[in-house]
């Protein structure tokens, strides 16, 4: 059901040589918790991050995660209090962005989900 979200994002970001991959838990566990309007905000935030940042490796410090999630980055949806945890990897002709977790800011739940999924 949510595979179309990934397709939509990738169609849009193809012009920027960026491919977004959602891990299965994001599509099967995280997304069903959000209503359609919130999902639209999440998709818009992902597109915006890479549309306005031609080089996904060129990041600001506040996007970097620390500790167990060192090497991962975050997108903050301030108004919605949602966090998106992802990793950027260069492949031959494309930059691959793997979304690890999408979750609430409250109690750092998104970061806890990401840590659990990386073990």
C-alpha atoms as a PDB file:
ATOM      1  CA  UNK A   1       0.000   0.000   0.000  1.00  0.00           C
ATOM      2  CA  UNK A   2       2.737   2.461   0.950  1.00  0.00           C
ATOM      3  CA  UNK A   3       5.058   1.362  -1.879  1.00  0.00           C
ATOM      4  CA  UNK A   4       3.477   4.084  -4.000  1.00  0.00           C
ATOM      5  CA  UNK A   5       4.900   6.657  -1.560  1.00  0.00           C
ATOM      6  CA  UNK A   6       8.407   5.422  -2.318  1.00  0.00           C
ATOM      7  CA  UNK A   7       7.688   5.465  -6.068  1.00  0.00           C
ATOM      8  CA  UNK A   8       6.323   9.011  -5.885  1.00  0.00           C
ATOM      9  CA  UNK A   9       9.364  10.304  -4.025  1.00  0.00           C
ATOM     10  CA  UNK A  10      11.779   8.561  -6.374  1.00  0.00           C
ATOM     11  CA  UNK A  11      10.042   9.844  -9.498  1.00  0.00           C
ATOM     12  CA  UNK A  12      10.361  13.360  -8.163  1.00  0.00           C
ATOM     13  CA  UNK A  13      13.969  13.028  -6.980  1.00  0.00           C
ATOM     14  CA  UNK A  14      15.223  11.246 -10.122  1.00  0.00           C
ATOM     15  CA  UNK A  15      16.235  14.645 -11.518  1.00  0.00           C
ATOM     16  CA  UNK A  16      18.586  15.049  -8.539  1.00  0.00           C
ATOM     17  CA  UNK A  17      20.179  11.580  -8.857  1.00  0.00           C
ATOM     18  CA  UNK A  18      18.780  10.618  -5.456  1.00  0.00           C
ATOM     19  CA  UNK A  19      17.013   7.330  -4.745  1.00  0.00           C
ATOM     20  CA  UNK A  20      15.077   6.880  -1.509  1.00  0.00           C
ATOM     21  CA  UNK A  21      14.602   3.428  -0.020  1.00  0.00           C
ATOM     22  CA  UNK A  22      12.308   2.794   2.919  1.00  0.00           C
ATOM     23  CA  UNK A  23      13.172  -0.167   5.117  1.00  0.00           C
ATOM     24  CA  UNK A  24      10.278  -2.614   5.513  1.00  0.00           C
ATOM     25  CA  UNK A  25       9.509  -1.548   9.102  1.00  0.00           C
ATOM     26  CA  UNK A  26       8.972   2.046   7.960  1.00  0.00           C
ATOM     27  CA  UNK A  27       6.403   1.003   5.363  1.00  0.00           C
ATOM     28  CA  UNK A  28       4.750  -1.717   7.453  1.00  0.00           C
ATOM     29  CA  UNK A  29       4.971  -0.332  11.004  1.00  0.00           C
ATOM     30  CA  UNK A  30       5.675   3.403  11.009  1.00  0.00           C
ATOM     31  CA  UNK A  31       3.523   4.728   8.165  1.00  0.00           C
ATOM     32  CA  UNK A  32       0.225   3.131   9.267  1.00  0.00           C
ATOM     33  CA  UNK A  33       0.391   5.256  12.452  1.00  0.00           C
ATOM     34  CA  UNK A  34      -0.043   8.453  10.446  1.00  0.00           C
ATOM     35  CA  UNK A  35      -3.110   9.854   8.741  1.00  0.00           C
ATOM     36  CA  UNK A  36      -2.937  10.898   5.103  1.00  0.00           C
ATOM     37  CA  UNK A  37      -2.167  14.570   5.883  1.00  0.00           C
ATOM     38  CA  UNK A  38       0.789  13.675   8.096  1.00  0.00           C
ATOM     39  CA  UNK A  39       2.114  11.252   5.483  1.00  0.00           C
ATOM     40  CA  UNK A  40       1.970  14.063   2.946  1.00  0.00           C
ATOM     41  CA  UNK A  41       4.036  16.217   5.337  1.00  0.00           C
ATOM     42  CA  UNK A  42       6.590  13.416   5.733  1.00  0.00           C
ATOM     43  CA  UNK A  43       6.882  12.949   1.957  1.00  0.00           C
ATOM     44  CA  UNK A  44       7.203  16.724   1.437  1.00  0.00           C
ATOM     45  CA  UNK A  45       9.963  16.939   4.064  1.00  0.00           C
ATOM     46  CA  UNK A  46      11.966  14.148   2.426  1.00  0.00           C
ATOM     47  CA  UNK A  47      11.607  15.671  -1.036  1.00  0.00           C
ATOM     48  CA  UNK A  48      12.462  19.126   0.265  1.00  0.00           C
ATOM     49  CA  UNK A  49      15.634  17.934   1.992  1.00  0.00           C
ATOM     50  CA  UNK A  50      17.104  16.558  -1.210  1.00  0.00           C
ATOM     51  CA  UNK A  51      15.536  18.958  -3.663  1.00  0.00           C
ATOM     52  CA  UNK A  52      17.106  21.963  -1.949  1.00  0.00           C
ATOM     53  CA  UNK A  53      20.361  20.249  -1.075  1.00  0.00           C
ATOM     54  CA  UNK A  54      22.078  19.256  -4.317  1.00  0.00           C
ATOM     55  CA  UNK A  55      24.725  17.306  -2.408  1.00  0.00           C
ATOM     56  CA  UNK A  56      23.157  15.138   0.305  1.00  0.00           C
ATOM     57  CA  UNK A  57      26.589  14.817   1.936  1.00  0.00           C
ATOM     58  CA  UNK A  58      26.742  18.573   2.392  1.00  0.00           C
ATOM     59  CA  UNK A  59      24.869  18.804   5.650  1.00  0.00           C
ATOM     60  CA  UNK A  60      24.575  20.999   8.682  1.00  0.00           C
ATOM     61  CA  UNK A  61      25.678  19.743  12.086  1.00  0.00           C
ATOM     62  CA  UNK A  62      22.152  19.784  13.489  1.00  0.00           C
ATOM     63  CA  UNK A  63      21.183  17.032  11.038  1.00  0.00           C
ATOM     64  CA  UNK A  64      23.843  14.616  12.342  1.00  0.00           C
ATOM     65  CA  UNK A  65      22.971  12.045  14.957  1.00  0.00           C
ATOM     66  CA  UNK A  66      25.376  11.005  17.693  1.00  0.00           C
ATOM     67  CA  UNK A  67      26.097   7.990  19.838  1.00  0.00           C
ATOM     68  CA  UNK A  68      24.721   4.687  18.580  1.00  0.00           C
ATOM     69  CA  UNK A  69      23.280   6.492  15.547  1.00  0.00           C
ATOM     70  CA  UNK A  70      26.553   8.116  14.497  1.00  0.00           C
ATOM     71  CA  UNK A  71      26.669   8.234  10.691  1.00  0.00           C
ATOM     72  CA  UNK A  72      22.909   8.678  10.432  1.00  0.00           C
ATOM     73  CA  UNK A  73      21.012  11.899   9.876  1.00  0.00           C
ATOM     74  CA  UNK A  74      17.613  13.286  10.787  1.00  0.00           C
ATOM     75  CA  UNK A  75      14.870  15.349   9.273  1.00  0.00           C
ATOM     76  CA  UNK A  76      12.808  17.233  11.813  1.00  0.00           C
ATOM     77  CA  UNK A  77       9.195  18.097  11.187  1.00  0.00           C
ATOM     78  CA  UNK A  78       8.909  20.661  13.955  1.00  0.00           C
ATOM     79  CA  UNK A  79       5.208  21.472  13.784  1.00  0.00           C
ATOM     80  CA  UNK A  80       4.204  17.807  13.568  1.00  0.00           C
ATOM     81  CA  UNK A  81       6.856  16.729  16.116  1.00  0.00           C
ATOM     82  CA  UNK A  82       8.019  13.895  13.836  1.00  0.00           C
ATOM     83  CA  UNK A  83      11.574  12.709  13.225  1.00  0.00           C
ATOM     84  CA  UNK A  84      12.899  10.822  10.194  1.00  0.00           C
ATOM     85  CA  UNK A  85      16.159   8.890  10.594  1.00  0.00           C
ATOM     86  CA  UNK A  86      18.135   8.104   7.454  1.00  0.00           C
ATOM     87  CA  UNK A  87      21.549   7.267   6.013  1.00  0.00           C
ATOM     88  CA  UNK A  88      23.166   8.565   2.815  1.00  0.00           C
ATOM     89  CA  UNK A  89      25.343   6.303   0.657  1.00  0.00           C
ATOM     90  CA  UNK A  90      26.951   6.976  -2.696  1.00  0.00           C
ATOM     91  CA  UNK A  91      26.570   4.365  -5.392  1.00  0.00           C
ATOM     92  CA  UNK A  92      27.866   4.448  -8.938  1.00  0.00           C
ATOM     93  CA  UNK A  93      25.361   6.827 -10.546  1.00  0.00           C
ATOM     94  CA  UNK A  94      23.041   7.719  -7.693  1.00  0.00           C
ATOM     95  CA  UNK A  95      22.949   8.802  -4.070  1.00  0.00           C
ATOM     96  CA  UNK A  96      20.940   6.288  -2.050  1.00  0.00           C
ATOM     97  CA  UNK A  97      19.029   7.529   0.973  1.00  0.00           C
ATOM     98  CA  UNK A  98      17.802   4.745   3.256  1.00  0.00           C
ATOM     99  CA  UNK A  99      15.025   5.719   5.642  1.00  0.00           C
ATOM    100  CA  UNK A 100      15.437   3.698   8.850  1.00  0.00           C
ATOM    101  CA  UNK A 101      12.664   5.084  11.052  1.00  0.00           C
ATOM    102  CA  UNK A 102       9.830   7.598  11.092  1.00  0.00           C
ATOM    103  CA  UNK A 103       8.444   8.363  14.509  1.00  0.00           C
ATOM    104  CA  UNK A 104       7.398  10.889  17.094  1.00  0.00           C
ATOM    105  CA  UNK A 105       9.824  13.236  18.762  1.00  0.00           C
ATOM    106  CA  UNK A 106       8.180  12.483  22.111  1.00  0.00           C
ATOM    107  CA  UNK A 107      10.491  10.422  24.324  1.00  0.00           C
ATOM    108  CA  UNK A 108      12.893  10.196  21.375  1.00  0.00           C
ATOM    109  CA  UNK A 109      10.794   7.321  20.044  1.00  0.00           C
ATOM    110  CA  UNK A 110      12.044   7.678  16.458  1.00  0.00           C
ATOM    111  CA  UNK A 111      15.644   7.322  17.632  1.00  0.00           C
ATOM    112  CA  UNK A 112      14.794   4.307  19.804  1.00  0.00           C
ATOM    113  CA  UNK A 113      13.106   2.654  16.822  1.00  0.00           C
ATOM    114  CA  UNK A 114      16.159   3.305  14.646  1.00  0.00           C
ATOM    115  CA  UNK A 115      18.558   1.865  17.236  1.00  0.00           C
ATOM    116  CA  UNK A 116      16.441  -1.248  17.638  1.00  0.00           C
ATOM    117  CA  UNK A 117      16.256  -1.763  13.864  1.00  0.00           C
ATOM    118  CA  UNK A 118      20.003  -1.470  13.429  1.00  0.00           C
ATOM    119  CA  UNK A 119      20.757  -4.292  15.888  1.00  0.00           C
END
